[in-house]
C-alpha atoms as a PDB file:
ATOM      1  CA  MET A   1       0.000   0.000   0.000  1.00  0.00           C
ATOM      2  CA  THR A   2       1.522   3.282  -0.997  1.00  0.00           C
ATOM      3  CA  PRO A   3       1.503   5.894   1.681  1.00  0.00           C
ATOM      4  CA  ASP A   4      -0.516   8.973   0.966  1.00  0.00           C
ATOM      5  CA  PRO A   5       1.691  11.967   0.887  1.00  0.00           C
ATOM      6  CA  HIS A   6      -1.120  14.090   2.257  1.00  0.00           C
ATOM      7  CA  SER A   7      -1.849  11.788   5.128  1.00  0.00           C
ATOM      8  CA  GLY A   8      -1.125  12.737   8.789  1.00  0.00           C
ATOM      9  CA  ASP A   9       1.747  10.282   8.870  1.00  0.00           C
ATOM     10  CA  ALA A  10       3.954  12.640   6.820  1.00  0.00           C
ATOM     11  CA  PRO A  11       6.725  14.251   8.840  1.00  0.00           C
ATOM     12  CA  SER A  12       5.885  17.798   9.893  1.00  0.00           C
ATOM     13  CA  ARG A  13       8.228  20.843  10.062  1.00  0.00           C
ATOM     14  CA  THR A  14       8.524  22.473  13.492  1.00  0.00           C
ATOM     15  CA  THR A  15       9.663  26.015  14.650  1.00  0.00           C
ATOM     16  CA  PRO A  16      11.896  26.271  17.643  1.00  0.00           C
ATOM     17  CA  ALA A  17      10.064  27.348  20.759  1.00  0.00           C
ATOM     18  CA  GLY A  18      10.546  30.965  21.893  1.00  0.00           C
ATOM     19  CA  PRO A  19       8.955  34.392  21.848  1.00  0.00           C
ATOM     20  CA  GLU A  20       7.223  35.419  18.820  1.00  0.00           C
ATOM     21  CA  GLN A  21       9.297  37.484  16.418  1.00  0.00           C
ATOM     22  CA  PRO A  22       7.596  40.648  15.279  1.00  0.00           C
ATOM     23  CA  GLU A  23       7.069  40.898  11.657  1.00  0.00           C
ATOM     24  CA  PRO A  24       9.168  43.491   9.870  1.00  0.00           C
ATOM     25  CA  GLU A  25       7.480  46.830   9.513  1.00  0.00           C
ATOM     26  CA  GLN A  26       6.273  47.343   6.054  1.00  0.00           C
ATOM     27  CA  PRO A  27       6.967  50.615   4.404  1.00  0.00           C
ATOM     28  CA  ARG A  28       4.018  52.830   3.843  1.00  0.00           C
ATOM     29  CA  PRO A  29       3.010  53.561   0.316  1.00  0.00           C
ATOM     30  CA  GLY A  30       5.374  56.096  -1.193  1.00  0.00           C
ATOM     31  CA  GLU A  31       7.989  55.604   1.578  1.00  0.00           C
ATOM     32  CA  THR A  32      11.185  53.719   0.936  1.00  0.00           C
ATOM     33  CA  GLY A  33      12.998  51.688   3.474  1.00  0.00           C
ATOM     34  CA  SER A  34      16.065  53.887   3.350  1.00  0.00           C
ATOM     35  CA  SER A  35      14.281  57.071   4.400  1.00  0.00           C
ATOM     36  CA  LYS A  36      14.906  56.555   8.161  1.00  0.00           C
ATOM     37  CA  VAL A  37      18.579  55.875   7.576  1.00  0.00           C
ATOM     38  CA  ALA A  38      18.873  59.075   5.538  1.00  0.00           C
ATOM     39  CA  ALA A  39      17.234  61.081   8.314  1.00  0.00           C
ATOM     40  CA  ASP A  40      19.571  59.636  10.937  1.00  0.00           C
ATOM     41  CA  ASP A  41      22.578  60.398   8.762  1.00  0.00           C
ATOM     42  CA  THR A  42      21.485  64.035   8.352  1.00  0.00           C
ATOM     43  CA  GLY A  43      21.219  64.449  12.140  1.00  0.00           C
ATOM     44  CA  SER A  44      24.696  62.998  12.568  1.00  0.00           C
ATOM     45  CA  ARG A  45      26.161  65.468  10.078  1.00  0.00           C
ATOM     46  CA  GLN A  46      24.446  68.384  11.822  1.00  0.00           C
ATOM     47  CA  GLY A  47      25.847  67.258  15.182  1.00  0.00           C
ATOM     48  CA  SER A  48      29.342  67.069  13.714  1.00  0.00           C
ATOM     49  CA  SER A  49      29.149  70.521  12.215  1.00  0.00           C
ATOM     50  CA  GLN A  50      28.065  72.114  15.516  1.00  0.00           C
ATOM     51  CA  GLY A  51      30.673  70.315  17.673  1.00  0.00           C
ATOM     52  CA  SER A  52      30.155  68.306  20.779  1.00  0.00           C
ATOM     53  CA  PRO A  53      29.293  70.005  24.109  1.00  0.00           C
ATOM     54  CA  SER A  54      32.606  68.957  25.618  1.00  0.00           C
ATOM     55  CA  ARG A  55      34.565  70.523  22.754  1.00  0.00           C
ATOM     56  CA  ARG A  56      32.636  73.790  23.026  1.00  0.00           C
ATOM     57  CA  SER A  57      33.231  73.827  26.793  1.00  0.00           C
ATOM     58  CA  ALA A  58      36.990  73.300  26.381  1.00  0.00           C
ATOM     59  CA  THR A  59      37.223  76.157  23.889  1.00  0.00           C
ATOM     60  CA  LYS A  60      35.319  78.467  26.219  1.00  0.00           C
ATOM     61  CA  GLU A  61      37.485  77.544  29.208  1.00  0.00           C
ATOM     62  CA  SER A  62      40.662  78.168  27.167  1.00  0.00           C
ATOM     63  CA  GLY A  63      39.522  81.672  26.218  1.00  0.00           C
ATOM     64  CA  GLY A  64      38.464  82.413  29.779  1.00  0.00           C
ATOM     65  CA  GLY A  65      41.830  81.255  31.156  1.00  0.00           C
ATOM     66  CA  LEU A  66      43.765  83.611  28.869  1.00  0.00           C
ATOM     67  CA  ALA A  67      41.576  86.567  29.828  1.00  0.00           C
ATOM     68  CA  HIS A  68      42.037  85.718  33.506  1.00  0.00           C
ATOM     69  CA  LEU A  69      45.830  85.582  33.075  1.00  0.00           C
ATOM     70  CA  VAL A  70      45.929  88.956  31.299  1.00  0.00           C
ATOM     71  CA  ARG A  71      43.756  90.492  34.021  1.00  0.00           C
ATOM     72  CA  GLU A  72      45.967  89.125  36.799  1.00  0.00           C
ATOM     73  CA  VAL A  73      49.159  90.397  35.111  1.00  0.00           C
ATOM     74  CA  ALA A  74      47.587  93.839  34.663  1.00  0.00           C
ATOM     75  CA  ILE A  75      46.533  93.980  38.328  1.00  0.00           C
ATOM     76  CA  VAL A  76      50.006  92.965  39.523  1.00  0.00           C
ATOM     77  CA  GLY A  77      51.676  95.504  37.222  1.00  0.00           C
ATOM     78  CA  ILE A  78      49.429  98.384  38.272  1.00  0.00           C
ATOM     79  CA  THR A  79      49.835  97.492  41.951  1.00  0.00           C
ATOM     80  CA  ALA A  80      53.628  97.454  41.588  1.00  0.00           C
ATOM     81  CA  LEU A  81      53.597 100.886  39.923  1.00  0.00           C
ATOM     82  CA  VAL A  82      51.383 102.353  42.646  1.00  0.00           C
ATOM     83  CA  ILE A  83      53.600 100.927  45.398  1.00  0.00           C
ATOM     84  CA  SER A  84      56.715 102.245  43.651  1.00  0.00           C
ATOM     85  CA  PHE A  85      55.140 105.697  43.331  1.00  0.00           C
ATOM     86  CA  LEU A  86      54.164 105.775  47.010  1.00  0.00           C
ATOM     87  CA  ILE A  87      57.622 104.629  48.121  1.00  0.00           C
ATOM     88  CA  LYS A  88      59.277 107.264  45.934  1.00  0.00           C
ATOM     89  CA  THR A  89      56.922 109.989  47.171  1.00  0.00           C
ATOM     90  CA  PHE A  90      56.980 109.298  50.905  1.00  0.00           C
ATOM     91  CA  LEU A  91      59.844 106.929  51.806  1.00  0.00           C
ATOM     92  CA  VAL A  92      62.932 106.670  49.574  1.00  0.00           C
ATOM     93  CA  GLN A  93      63.929 107.790  46.096  1.00  0.00           C
ATOM     94  CA  ALA A  94      66.856 106.970  43.834  1.00  0.00           C
ATOM     95  CA  PHE A  95      69.103 109.745  42.484  1.00  0.00           C
ATOM     96  CA  TRP A  96      72.122 109.638  40.214  1.00  0.00           C
ATOM     97  CA  ILE A  97      75.112 111.941  40.634  1.00  0.00           C
ATOM     98  CA  PRO A  98      75.499 114.346  37.687  1.00  0.00           C
ATOM     99  CA  SER A  99      78.729 116.120  38.724  1.00  0.00           C
ATOM    100  CA  GLY A 100      82.011 115.793  40.598  1.00  0.00           C
ATOM    101  CA  SER A 101      81.239 118.236  43.425  1.00  0.00           C
ATOM    102  CA  MET A 102      81.123 115.424  46.020  1.00  0.00           C
ATOM    103  CA  GLU A 103      84.257 113.543  44.946  1.00  0.00           C
ATOM    104  CA  GLN A 104      85.566 111.224  46.149  1.00  0.00           C
ATOM    105  CA  THR A 105      82.668 110.347  48.395  1.00  0.00           C
ATOM    106  CA  LEU A 106      80.456 110.304  45.320  1.00  0.00           C
ATOM    107  CA  VAL A 107      81.528 110.369  41.688  1.00  0.00           C
ATOM    108  CA  PHE A 108      79.749 111.061  38.425  1.00  0.00           C
ATOM    109  CA  GLY A 109      77.204 108.347  37.605  1.00  0.00           C
ATOM    110  CA  ASP A 110      76.816 106.949  41.128  1.00  0.00           C
ATOM    111  CA  ARG A 111      73.294 105.995  42.230  1.00  0.00           C
ATOM    112  CA  VAL A 112      72.192 106.750  45.776  1.00  0.00           C
ATOM    113  CA  MET A 113      69.045 106.041  47.767  1.00  0.00           C
ATOM    114  CA  VAL A 114      67.663 109.049  49.617  1.00  0.00           C
ATOM    115  CA  SER A 115      65.376 108.837  52.647  1.00  0.00           C
ATOM    116  CA  LYS A 116      62.457 111.265  52.612  1.00  0.00           C
ATOM    117  CA  ILE A 117      61.681 110.690  56.278  1.00  0.00           C
ATOM    118  CA  GLN A 118      63.345 113.568  58.105  1.00  0.00           C
ATOM    119  CA  ALA A 119      62.740 112.500  61.682  1.00  0.00           C
ATOM    120  CA  GLY A 120      64.536 110.418  64.280  1.00  0.00           C
ATOM    121  CA  PRO A 121      67.678 108.717  62.901  1.00  0.00           C
ATOM    122  CA  THR A 122      67.154 110.274  59.469  1.00  0.00           C
ATOM    123  CA  GLU A 123      66.730 113.840  60.700  1.00  0.00           C
ATOM    124  CA  LEU A 124      69.368 116.004  59.041  1.00  0.00           C
ATOM    125  CA  GLU A 125      72.357 116.884  61.188  1.00  0.00           C
ATOM    126  CA  ARG A 126      75.872 118.175  60.620  1.00  0.00           C
ATOM    127  CA  GLY A 127      77.898 115.816  58.447  1.00  0.00           C
ATOM    128  CA  ASP A 128      74.939 114.240  56.651  1.00  0.00           C
ATOM    129  CA  ILE A 129      74.779 114.143  52.849  1.00  0.00           C
ATOM    130  CA  ALA A 130      71.549 115.720  51.617  1.00  0.00           C
ATOM    131  CA  VAL A 131      69.672 116.110  48.348  1.00  0.00           C
ATOM    132  CA  PHE A 132      67.774 119.367  47.904  1.00  0.00           C
ATOM    133  CA  GLN A 133      66.007 121.344  45.232  1.00  0.00           C
ATOM    134  CA  ASP A 134      67.728 124.372  43.774  1.00  0.00           C
ATOM    135  CA  PRO A 135      66.806 127.238  46.145  1.00  0.00           C
ATOM    136  CA  GLY A 136      67.094 129.546  43.150  1.00  0.00           C
ATOM    137  CA  GLY A 137      69.997 130.370  40.857  1.00  0.00           C
ATOM    138  CA  TRP A 138      72.387 127.694  42.055  1.00  0.00           C
ATOM    139  CA  LEU A 139      72.218 125.717  38.814  1.00  0.00           C
ATOM    140  CA  PRO A 140      72.808 126.965  35.270  1.00  0.00           C
ATOM    141  CA  GLN A 141      69.924 126.881  32.865  1.00  0.00           C
ATOM    142  CA  ARG A 142      69.113 123.298  32.090  1.00  0.00           C
ATOM    143  CA  ILE A 143      69.516 122.085  28.507  1.00  0.00           C
ATOM    144  CA  GLU A 144      66.923 119.441  27.792  1.00  0.00           C
ATOM    145  CA  VAL A 145      68.226 116.297  26.113  1.00  0.00           C
ATOM    146  CA  ASP A 146      65.923 115.310  23.267  1.00  0.00           C
ATOM    147  CA  ARG A 147      65.755 111.517  23.065  1.00  0.00           C
ATOM    148  CA  GLY A 148      62.687 111.527  20.861  1.00  0.00           C
ATOM    149  CA  PRO A 149      59.007 111.648  21.875  1.00  0.00           C
ATOM    150  CA  LEU A 150      58.735 107.975  22.791  1.00  0.00           C
ATOM    151  CA  LEU A 151      61.937 107.726  24.843  1.00  0.00           C
ATOM    152  CA  ASN A 152      61.391 111.116  26.506  1.00  0.00           C
ATOM    153  CA  GLY A 153      57.935 110.046  27.634  1.00  0.00           C
ATOM    154  CA  THR A 154      59.184 106.673  28.824  1.00  0.00           C
ATOM    155  CA  VAL A 155      62.033 108.165  30.894  1.00  0.00           C
ATOM    156  CA  ASP A 156      59.744 110.812  32.392  1.00  0.00           C
ATOM    157  CA  ALA A 157      57.152 108.176  33.296  1.00  0.00           C
ATOM    158  CA  LEU A 158      59.742 105.881  34.907  1.00  0.00           C
ATOM    159  CA  GLU A 159      61.158 108.781  36.947  1.00  0.00           C
ATOM    160  CA  PHE A 160      57.641 109.803  37.983  1.00  0.00           C
ATOM    161  CA  VAL A 161      56.767 106.388  39.424  1.00  0.00           C
ATOM    162  CA  GLY A 162      60.241 105.910  40.918  1.00  0.00           C
ATOM    163  CA  LEU A 163      61.536 103.137  38.640  1.00  0.00           C
ATOM    164  CA  ALA A 164      64.298 105.346  37.219  1.00  0.00           C
ATOM    165  CA  PRO A 165      66.639 107.537  39.269  1.00  0.00           C
ATOM    166  CA  ALA A 166      66.211 111.295  39.133  1.00  0.00           C
ATOM    167  CA  GLY A 167      69.322 113.148  38.095  1.00  0.00           C
ATOM    168  CA  ASP A 168      70.126 116.314  36.195  1.00  0.00           C
ATOM    169  CA  GLY A 169      66.928 118.179  36.998  1.00  0.00           C
ATOM    170  CA  ASP A 170      66.783 120.895  39.643  1.00  0.00           C
ATOM    171  CA  HIS A 171      68.330 118.811  42.437  1.00  0.00           C
ATOM    172  CA  LEU A 172      71.744 119.105  44.101  1.00  0.00           C
ATOM    173  CA  ILE A 173      73.605 116.938  46.587  1.00  0.00           C
ATOM    174  CA  LYS A 174      75.975 118.389  49.235  1.00  0.00           C
ATOM    175  CA  ARG A 175      77.108 117.820  52.813  1.00  0.00           C
ATOM    176  CA  VAL A 176      75.517 119.607  55.767  1.00  0.00           C
ATOM    177  CA  ILE A 177      78.155 121.725  57.533  1.00  0.00           C
ATOM    178  CA  GLY A 178      75.931 123.917  59.686  1.00  0.00           C
ATOM    179  CA  THR A 179      72.347 123.794  60.962  1.00  0.00           C
ATOM    180  CA  SER A 180      70.000 126.478  62.302  1.00  0.00           C
ATOM    181  CA  GLY A 181      71.819 128.974  64.524  1.00  0.00           C
ATOM    182  CA  ASP A 182      75.313 127.615  63.841  1.00  0.00           C
ATOM    183  CA  ARG A 183      78.112 130.085  63.237  1.00  0.00           C
ATOM    184  CA  VAL A 184      80.232 128.788  60.351  1.00  0.00           C
ATOM    185  CA  VAL A 185      83.547 130.503  59.663  1.00  0.00           C
ATOM    186  CA  CYS A 186      86.397 130.080  57.238  1.00  0.00           C
ATOM    187  CA  CYS A 187      89.005 129.873  58.289  1.00  0.00           C
ATOM    188  CA  ASP A 188      91.088 129.586  61.462  1.00  0.00           C
ATOM    189  CA  ASP A 189      94.859 130.055  61.658  1.00  0.00           C
ATOM    190  CA  GLN A 190      95.385 126.509  60.340  1.00  0.00           C
ATOM    191  CA  GLY A 191      93.009 126.981  57.416  1.00  0.00           C
ATOM    192  CA  ARG A 192      90.195 124.893  58.934  1.00  0.00           C
ATOM    193  CA  VAL A 193      86.465 125.609  58.805  1.00  0.00           C
ATOM    194  CA  THR A 194      85.011 126.160  62.274  1.00  0.00           C
ATOM    195  CA  VAL A 195      81.470 125.593  63.519  1.00  0.00           C
ATOM    196  CA  ASN A 196      80.575 127.391  66.746  1.00  0.00           C
ATOM    197  CA  ASP A 197      84.326 128.026  67.194  1.00  0.00           C
ATOM    198  CA  GLU A 198      85.154 124.296  66.961  1.00  0.00           C
ATOM    199  CA  PRO A 199      87.612 123.523  64.111  1.00  0.00           C
ATOM    200  CA  LEU A 200      86.712 120.654  61.789  1.00  0.00           C
ATOM    201  CA  GLU A 201      89.156 117.960  60.698  1.00  0.00           C
ATOM    202  CA  GLU A 202      87.316 117.120  57.477  1.00  0.00           C
ATOM    203  CA  THR A 203      88.590 113.679  56.550  1.00  0.00           C
ATOM    204  CA  TYR A 204      86.134 113.352  53.635  1.00  0.00           C
ATOM    205  CA  LEU A 205      87.621 116.208  51.554  1.00  0.00           C
ATOM    206  CA  PHE A 206      88.906 115.521  48.050  1.00  0.00           C
ATOM    207  CA  PRO A 207      92.637 114.744  48.288  1.00  0.00           C
ATOM    208  CA  GLY A 208      94.681 117.920  47.972  1.00  0.00           C
ATOM    209  CA  ASP A 209      91.728 120.302  48.470  1.00  0.00           C
ATOM    210  CA  GLU A 210      91.758 123.120  51.000  1.00  0.00           C
ATOM    211  CA  PRO A 211      88.662 123.371  53.251  1.00  0.00           C
ATOM    212  CA  SER A 212      87.815 126.593  51.424  1.00  0.00           C
ATOM    213  CA  LEU A 213      89.532 129.279  49.429  1.00  0.00           C
ATOM    214  CA  GLU A 214      86.617 131.665  50.036  1.00  0.00           C
ATOM    215  CA  GLN A 215      86.467 133.542  53.336  1.00  0.00           C
ATOM    216  CA  PHE A 216      83.123 133.745  55.132  1.00  0.00           C
ATOM    217  CA  ASP A 217      81.660 134.277  58.580  1.00  0.00           C
ATOM    218  CA  ILE A 218      77.933 133.568  58.729  1.00  0.00           C
ATOM    219  CA  VAL A 219      75.163 132.415  61.047  1.00  0.00           C
ATOM    220  CA  VAL A 220      72.762 129.855  59.559  1.00  0.00           C
ATOM    221  CA  PRO A 221      69.179 131.238  59.501  1.00  0.00           C
ATOM    222  CA  PRO A 222      66.351 129.345  61.263  1.00  0.00           C
ATOM    223  CA  ASP A 223      65.078 126.197  59.533  1.00  0.00           C
ATOM    224  CA  SER A 224      68.008 126.213  57.124  1.00  0.00           C
ATOM    225  CA  PHE A 225      71.286 124.411  56.387  1.00  0.00           C
ATOM    226  CA  TRP A 226      74.741 125.514  55.261  1.00  0.00           C
ATOM    227  CA  MET A 227      75.791 123.082  52.506  1.00  0.00           C
ATOM    228  CA  MET A 228      79.228 122.426  51.020  1.00  0.00           C
ATOM    229  CA  GLY A 229      80.556 119.836  48.566  1.00  0.00           C
ATOM    230  CA  ASP A 230      83.407 117.479  49.485  1.00  0.00           C
ATOM    231  CA  HIS A 231      85.358 118.536  46.381  1.00  0.00           C
ATOM    232  CA  ARG A 232      85.656 122.138  47.567  1.00  0.00           C
ATOM    233  CA  SER A 233      87.569 123.393  44.527  1.00  0.00           C
ATOM    234  CA  ASN A 234      84.868 122.005  42.214  1.00  0.00           C
ATOM    235  CA  SER A 235      81.655 122.789  44.087  1.00  0.00           C
ATOM    236  CA  ARG A 236      79.297 125.727  43.732  1.00  0.00           C
ATOM    237  CA  ASP A 237      77.587 125.510  47.093  1.00  0.00           C
ATOM    238  CA  SER A 238      76.454 127.790  49.917  1.00  0.00           C
ATOM    239  CA  ARG A 239      79.704 129.788  49.694  1.00  0.00           C
ATOM    240  CA  ALA A 240      79.180 130.777  46.054  1.00  0.00           C
ATOM    241  CA  ASN A 241      75.541 131.751  46.534  1.00  0.00           C
ATOM    242  CA  ASP A 242      75.760 133.799  49.708  1.00  0.00           C
ATOM    243  CA  ASP A 243      75.634 137.572  50.127  1.00  0.00           C
ATOM    244  CA  GLY A 244      77.811 137.561  53.222  1.00  0.00           C
ATOM    245  CA  THR A 245      74.981 137.189  55.732  1.00  0.00           C
ATOM    246  CA  GLY A 246      74.261 133.483  55.452  1.00  0.00           C
ATOM    247  CA  THR A 247      70.735 134.140  54.229  1.00  0.00           C
ATOM    248  CA  GLY A 248      71.456 133.856  50.514  1.00  0.00           C
ATOM    249  CA  GLY A 249      73.621 130.749  50.720  1.00  0.00           C
ATOM    250  CA  ALA A 250      71.630 128.753  53.255  1.00  0.00           C
ATOM    251  CA  VAL A 251      69.251 126.056  51.998  1.00  0.00           C
ATOM    252  CA  PRO A 252      65.737 126.276  53.466  1.00  0.00           C
ATOM    253  CA  ALA A 253      64.569 123.059  55.115  1.00  0.00           C
ATOM    254  CA  ALA A 254      61.510 123.167  52.871  1.00  0.00           C
ATOM    255  CA  ASP A 255      63.771 122.610  49.833  1.00  0.00           C
ATOM    256  CA  VAL A 256      65.454 119.516  51.277  1.00  0.00           C
ATOM    257  CA  VAL A 257      64.350 116.254  49.642  1.00  0.00           C
ATOM    258  CA  GLY A 258      66.067 113.972  52.119  1.00  0.00           C
ATOM    259  CA  GLN A 259      69.207 112.349  53.465  1.00  0.00           C
ATOM    260  CA  ALA A 260      71.382 110.107  51.297  1.00  0.00           C
ATOM    261  CA  LEU A 261      71.577 106.728  53.027  1.00  0.00           C
ATOM    262  CA  VAL A 262      73.367 104.316  50.732  1.00  0.00           C
ATOM    263  CA  LEU A 263      75.342 104.184  47.505  1.00  0.00           C
ATOM    264  CA  VAL A 264      73.733 101.352  45.529  1.00  0.00           C
ATOM    265  CA  TRP A 265      75.396 101.533  42.109  1.00  0.00           C
ATOM    266  CA  PRO A 266      77.887 100.580  40.841  1.00  0.00           C
ATOM    267  CA  LEU A 267      77.979  97.490  43.014  1.00  0.00           C
ATOM    268  CA  ASP A 268      81.742  97.624  43.560  1.00  0.00           C
ATOM    269  CA  ARG A 269      81.241 101.003  45.273  1.00  0.00           C
ATOM    270  CA  PHE A 270      78.294  99.949  47.443  1.00  0.00           C
ATOM    271  CA  ASP A 271      78.490 101.802  50.758  1.00  0.00           C
ATOM    272  CA  TRP A 272      76.359 103.047  53.644  1.00  0.00           C
ATOM    273  CA  PHE A 273      76.793 106.705  54.543  1.00  0.00           C
ATOM    274  CA  ASP A 274      77.674 107.028  58.209  1.00  0.00           C
ATOM    275  CA  ARG A 275      77.459 110.352  59.975  1.00  0.00           C
ATOM    276  CA  PRO A 276      81.118 111.403  60.514  1.00  0.00           C
ATOM    277  CA  ALA A 277      80.976 111.767  64.290  1.00  0.00           C
ATOM    278  CA  ASP A 278      84.767 112.097  64.439  1.00  0.00           C
ATOM    279  CA  VAL A 279      84.460 115.376  62.500  1.00  0.00           C
ATOM    280  CA  PHE A 280      81.432 116.973  64.176  1.00  0.00           C
ATOM    281  CA  GLY A 281      81.303 115.159  67.507  1.00  0.00           C
ATOM    282  CA  ASP A 282      82.893 117.998  69.458  1.00  0.00           C
ATOM    283  CA  VAL A 283      80.878 120.818  67.909  1.00  0.00           C
ATOM    284  CA  PRO A 284      78.946 122.550  70.715  1.00  0.00           C
ATOM    285  CA  VAL A 285      75.302 123.524  70.532  1.00  0.00           C
ATOM    286  CA  ALA A 286      74.758 126.879  68.832  1.00  0.00           C
ATOM    287  CA  GLN A 287      74.507 129.760  71.253  1.00  0.00           C
ATOM    288  CA  GLU A 288      71.404 131.847  70.868  1.00  0.00           C
ATOM    289  CA  GLY A 289      72.220 135.168  69.220  1.00  0.00           C
ATOM    290  CA  SER A 290      75.696 134.037  68.163  1.00  0.00           C
END
């Protein structure tokens, strides 16, 4: 008997057990299967062109860091200039020596630091080296050096804030020989300058110089100083500007900038200026009405 191919005895095909698989979504009429892929690809290109959030954040932080650095440098620079200006105005100022009138204590081109605090240890006394403004007519007419607009402005600005030493303006530097009320005379029988009748052994004088070739006998006016250079034969000081009374040659205290404390440049000449007590230590106090 031939088996019937359509009978129930024919082997049947089975599907493995498991969840039902969804049937693939059929495209709608007029819509191709690649349309979704094209849309996704367009979004990807747009995202690439705009950059990722992390990349935009890094760029922003980089720009912000540079601006912060520039701001910090500007603040530090301005603060330093202000501090320098205040120090120069109220505490100390640098000056350079434009002549040989104080040789050999100071020579041309030396840089000194000058204290502007005239009280206590830095109050001017006999023997101190002082910087002062021209009381009037001591200096010849100044010839301005033209370095060009840019360099002139730069030098003036640096001097103004105290970063460059002041020099050949209207300032002079000399040694205090007499203070208010002192009688200063040149000279005694041995050719020495005397202060309140006490002769001075001036160890700081330029080698070979006499204490003074000009004769004078004056009393220093109140709130004033009698100033003389250490290189007496090369110094136009109180002697050359006096009228014989002491009034014309004395430097008013109001014109004094301050006391020279230290020679800072050149380095091989670095030195602190000590008050020469051995020269003025025996000078008595000025007698009233002397």
